[in-house]
Protein backbone atom coordinates (compact mmCIF):
# COMPACT_ATOMS: atom_id res chain seq x y z
CA MET A 1 -9.52 -27.88 27.88
CA ALA A 2 -13.12 -27.91 29.41
CA PRO A 3 -15.94 -28.55 26.89
CA LEU A 4 -18.46 -25.87 26.25
CA ARG A 5 -21.84 -26.25 27.96
CA ILE A 6 -24.71 -25.99 25.84
CA LEU A 7 -28.43 -25.72 27.02
CA CYS A 8 -30.54 -27.61 24.65
CA VAL A 9 -34.37 -26.65 23.82
CA HIS A 10 -36.43 -29.36 22.22
CA GLY A 11 -39.29 -29.10 19.64
CA TYR A 12 -42.98 -29.26 19.80
CA ARG A 13 -44.33 -32.47 21.22
CA GLN A 14 -40.94 -33.53 22.50
CA SER A 15 -39.21 -33.48 26.02
CA GLY A 16 -35.77 -32.99 27.23
CA GLY A 17 -35.52 -36.75 27.39
CA SER A 18 -36.71 -37.73 23.93
CA PHE A 19 -34.61 -34.79 22.53
CA ARG A 20 -31.60 -36.17 24.38
CA GLU A 21 -32.23 -39.64 22.62
CA LYS A 22 -32.51 -38.06 19.30
CA THR A 23 -29.42 -35.97 19.35
CA GLY A 24 -27.20 -38.92 20.07
CA ALA A 25 -25.32 -38.52 16.95
CA LEU A 26 -24.77 -34.78 17.47
CA ARG A 27 -23.37 -35.52 21.19
CA LYS A 28 -21.00 -37.97 19.61
CA LEU A 29 -19.89 -35.52 16.96
CA LEU A 30 -19.35 -32.78 19.42
CA ARG A 31 -18.05 -34.72 22.44
CA ARG A 32 -14.58 -33.36 22.41
CA HIS A 33 -16.07 -29.75 22.19
CA ALA A 34 -19.44 -29.50 23.88
CA GLU A 35 -21.48 -30.90 26.85
CA LEU A 36 -25.20 -30.77 26.11
CA ASP A 37 -27.69 -30.22 28.90
CA PHE A 38 -31.31 -30.68 28.20
CA ILE A 39 -34.51 -28.88 29.68
CA THR A 40 -38.16 -29.87 29.20
CA ALA A 41 -41.01 -27.34 28.31
CA PRO A 42 -43.52 -26.63 31.25
CA HIS A 43 -46.64 -27.28 29.13
CA GLN A 44 -48.11 -30.72 28.60
CA VAL A 45 -49.53 -31.13 25.10
CA PRO A 46 -52.80 -32.77 24.93
CA GLN A 47 -52.54 -36.41 24.04
CA ASN A 48 -54.18 -36.09 20.48
CA PRO A 49 -52.59 -38.44 17.96
CA PRO A 50 -49.65 -36.69 16.28
CA ASN A 51 -50.74 -34.86 13.11
CA PRO A 52 -48.53 -35.36 9.98
CA GLN A 53 -50.22 -32.50 8.41
CA ASN A 54 -49.37 -30.19 11.18
CA PRO A 55 -46.22 -28.23 10.02
CA ALA A 56 -45.02 -28.06 13.78
CA ASP A 57 -45.33 -31.66 15.03
CA ASP A 58 -41.84 -32.53 15.97
CA SER A 59 -42.69 -35.71 17.87
CA GLN A 60 -42.12 -38.23 14.72
CA ASP A 61 -39.35 -36.51 13.24
CA GLN A 62 -35.62 -36.05 14.15
CA GLU A 63 -34.37 -39.24 12.58
CA LYS A 64 -37.13 -41.37 14.18
CA THR A 65 -34.71 -43.05 16.76
CA SER A 66 -37.33 -43.91 19.11
CA ASN A 67 -41.21 -44.19 19.60
CA VAL A 68 -43.34 -41.01 20.18
CA SER A 69 -42.64 -40.11 23.85
CA ASP A 70 -45.93 -40.05 26.04
CA ASP A 71 -44.42 -36.90 27.74
CA GLN A 72 -45.02 -34.53 24.91
CA ARG A 73 -44.41 -30.86 25.69
CA GLY A 74 -44.67 -27.39 24.03
CA TRP A 75 -43.20 -23.96 24.82
CA TRP A 76 -46.24 -22.09 23.71
CA PHE A 77 -49.72 -22.69 22.04
CA SER A 78 -50.88 -20.81 19.03
CA ASP A 79 -54.46 -22.08 19.41
CA VAL A 80 -55.22 -20.90 23.10
CA GLN A 81 -58.56 -22.93 23.11
CA ALA A 82 -57.18 -26.07 21.80
CA ARG A 83 -53.85 -25.86 23.41
CA SER A 84 -52.15 -26.66 20.08
CA PHE A 85 -49.39 -25.10 18.15
CA ASP A 86 -49.05 -24.67 14.37
CA ALA A 87 -45.86 -22.61 13.30
CA THR A 88 -47.96 -21.13 10.32
CA GLN A 89 -50.95 -20.12 12.27
CA GLU A 90 -51.24 -16.42 12.42
CA CYS A 91 -52.69 -15.56 15.84
CA GLU A 92 -53.25 -12.46 17.99
CA SER A 93 -52.16 -14.00 21.18
CA SER A 94 -50.57 -17.29 22.54
CA LEU A 95 -50.69 -19.25 25.71
CA GLY A 96 -47.54 -20.27 27.77
CA LEU A 97 -44.71 -18.25 26.37
CA GLU A 98 -43.86 -16.43 29.70
CA GLU A 99 -43.75 -19.63 31.65
CA SER A 100 -41.41 -21.11 29.24
CA LEU A 101 -39.17 -18.13 29.30
CA ASP A 102 -39.13 -18.51 33.12
CA ALA A 103 -38.13 -22.18 32.56
CA VAL A 104 -35.09 -21.08 30.66
CA ARG A 105 -34.33 -18.61 33.37
CA VAL A 106 -34.52 -21.42 36.02
CA ALA A 107 -32.34 -23.77 34.00
CA VAL A 108 -29.56 -21.05 33.79
CA LYS A 109 -29.86 -20.38 37.50
CA ASP A 110 -29.89 -24.12 38.58
CA MET A 111 -27.86 -25.86 35.85
CA GLY A 112 -25.65 -23.13 34.58
CA PRO A 113 -23.64 -21.24 33.71
CA PHE A 114 -23.83 -22.13 30.11
CA ASP A 115 -21.70 -20.98 27.16
CA GLY A 116 -24.25 -21.48 24.54
CA ILE A 117 -27.78 -22.32 23.74
CA LEU A 118 -29.08 -24.71 21.12
CA GLY A 119 -32.88 -24.95 19.90
CA PHE A 120 -34.69 -27.17 17.59
CA SER A 121 -37.97 -26.21 15.76
CA GLN A 122 -40.13 -24.39 18.21
CA GLY A 123 -37.41 -24.70 20.58
CA ALA A 124 -35.22 -22.78 18.10
CA ALA A 125 -37.96 -20.13 17.87
CA LEU A 126 -37.97 -19.67 21.65
CA VAL A 127 -34.07 -19.42 21.51
CA ALA A 128 -34.52 -16.59 19.01
CA MET A 129 -36.73 -14.77 21.56
CA VAL A 130 -34.17 -15.47 24.35
CA CYS A 131 -31.56 -13.91 22.15
CA ALA A 132 -33.66 -10.81 21.56
CA LEU A 133 -34.08 -10.41 25.39
CA GLN A 134 -30.50 -10.79 25.85
CA GLU A 135 -29.53 -8.38 23.11
CA ARG A 136 -31.80 -5.59 24.52
CA GLN A 137 -30.49 -6.34 28.01
CA LEU A 138 -33.96 -7.00 29.44
CA GLU A 139 -32.94 -10.41 31.02
CA PRO A 140 -29.92 -10.45 33.40
CA ALA A 141 -30.02 -14.25 33.65
CA PHE A 142 -29.46 -14.70 29.88
CA ASN A 143 -25.73 -14.20 29.16
CA PHE A 144 -25.05 -16.81 26.42
CA ARG A 145 -22.03 -16.47 24.27
CA PHE A 146 -23.53 -18.12 21.14
CA ALA A 147 -26.75 -19.88 19.95
CA ILE A 148 -27.24 -22.60 17.45
CA LEU A 149 -30.71 -22.57 15.85
CA VAL A 150 -31.88 -25.72 13.91
CA ALA A 151 -35.09 -25.34 11.90
CA GLY A 152 -35.84 -22.04 13.55
CA PHE A 153 -38.44 -19.69 12.53
CA ARG A 154 -40.21 -16.35 13.38
CA SER A 155 -43.28 -16.81 15.53
CA ALA A 156 -46.43 -15.85 13.57
CA CYS A 157 -48.25 -14.69 16.53
CA ALA A 158 -48.91 -10.82 16.71
CA GLN A 159 -48.17 -10.81 20.28
CA HIS A 160 -44.61 -11.99 19.72
CA GLN A 161 -43.69 -9.52 16.85
CA HIS A 162 -41.92 -7.07 19.48
CA PHE A 163 -39.15 -9.85 19.69
CA TYR A 164 -38.23 -8.95 15.84
CA GLU A 165 -38.91 -5.39 15.39
CA ASP A 166 -36.05 -2.80 15.05
CA LEU A 167 -33.58 -5.35 16.27
CA GLN A 168 -30.42 -6.82 14.93
CA ILE A 169 -28.94 -9.53 17.33
CA THR A 170 -25.20 -9.36 17.52
CA LEU A 171 -24.74 -12.77 19.37
CA PRO A 172 -22.81 -15.02 17.31
CA SER A 173 -25.26 -17.58 15.78
CA LEU A 174 -25.27 -20.71 13.79
CA HIS A 175 -28.52 -21.39 11.80
CA VAL A 176 -29.14 -24.88 10.37
CA PHE A 177 -31.98 -25.98 8.00
CA GLY A 178 -32.75 -28.58 5.54
CA LYS A 179 -33.53 -28.26 1.99
CA GLU A 180 -36.34 -30.97 2.28
CA ASP A 181 -37.69 -29.79 5.61
CA LYS A 182 -41.46 -30.27 5.17
CA VAL A 183 -42.31 -29.20 8.80
CA ILE A 184 -40.37 -25.90 8.98
CA PRO A 185 -39.75 -25.19 5.24
CA GLU A 186 -36.24 -23.62 4.29
CA GLN A 187 -37.84 -20.11 3.51
CA MET A 188 -39.28 -19.97 7.11
CA SER A 189 -35.87 -20.32 8.55
CA ARG A 190 -34.53 -17.98 6.18
CA ASP A 191 -36.93 -15.32 7.16
CA LEU A 192 -35.54 -15.34 10.57
CA LEU A 193 -31.91 -14.37 9.41
CA PRO A 194 -32.40 -10.55 9.07
CA VAL A 195 -32.64 -10.49 12.79
CA PHE A 196 -29.23 -11.92 12.96
CA PRO A 197 -27.27 -10.12 10.45
CA GLY A 198 -23.82 -11.81 11.25
CA ALA A 199 -25.42 -15.38 11.29
CA HIS A 200 -23.40 -18.49 10.06
CA VAL A 201 -25.66 -20.71 7.96
CA LEU A 202 -25.52 -24.43 7.44
CA ILE A 203 -27.85 -25.83 4.80
CA HIS A 204 -28.07 -29.64 4.53
CA PRO A 205 -29.98 -31.62 1.80
CA GLY A 206 -32.21 -33.51 4.42
CA GLY A 207 -35.48 -32.87 6.31
CA HIS A 208 -36.66 -31.80 9.74
CA PHE A 209 -33.64 -33.04 11.88
CA ILE A 210 -30.41 -32.02 13.25
CA PRO A 211 -27.58 -33.10 10.95
CA ALA A 212 -24.80 -34.78 12.35
CA ALA A 213 -22.91 -36.49 9.56
CA SER A 214 -19.17 -36.70 9.95
CA ALA A 215 -18.78 -34.43 6.92
CA LEU A 216 -20.37 -31.63 8.79
CA ARG A 217 -18.14 -31.90 11.82
CA GLN A 218 -15.68 -29.28 10.58
CA ILE A 219 -18.45 -26.71 10.18
CA TYR A 220 -19.79 -27.24 13.74
CA GLN A 221 -16.34 -27.30 15.13
CA GLU A 222 -15.20 -24.10 13.35
CA PHE A 223 -18.11 -22.26 14.79
CA LEU A 224 -17.47 -23.62 18.30
CA GLN A 225 -13.78 -23.31 18.14
CA ARG A 226 -13.64 -19.49 18.87
CA PHE A 227 -15.52 -19.91 22.30
CA LEU A 228 -13.14 -22.61 23.78
């Protein structure tokens, strides 16, 4: 039985390489069911010191398996002038989203086909937008069979609200979030659920990371089993 191929979309201030390192436990947990492929966001984040007060900075989380990467990337910036991102920042317009959607299109074309797509934090917010485009049949390149969103959230940018309005995404989805997540609080992830009315939900007791404890294997496997 061939494993499922999943495209993985990292968080803010991460890269495909650093995200791959930080998902080692998940890859091991799912190795009989899924093969994970990683892409890197097109936008370089200015090399400011990571800000622990910024509720979107994913560079020092995800189980702290390695030092902060020099190659820090983002999918879009909520502050156009500063080229920075804050998940709670209510802005009229953003910078960089179209290029990031293009990056996903190119990944599908060059690396695909993929069965599913997985996103973490800002990457999960991008995955929700990809799902919206697929649901509305606005993007022929997107033909995912399922989505996994870890610490996902609705973008607070006014320019992005059309992704959520008058839409119910029917793509099977698993939403994962932590009760102690201080970066993307549980409620922010819950606020995304109405757009995915058939969502499966996995709540773990930890913080801002992808949980991969052996006790959770059955939940992941039961979700993925239907697609094998």
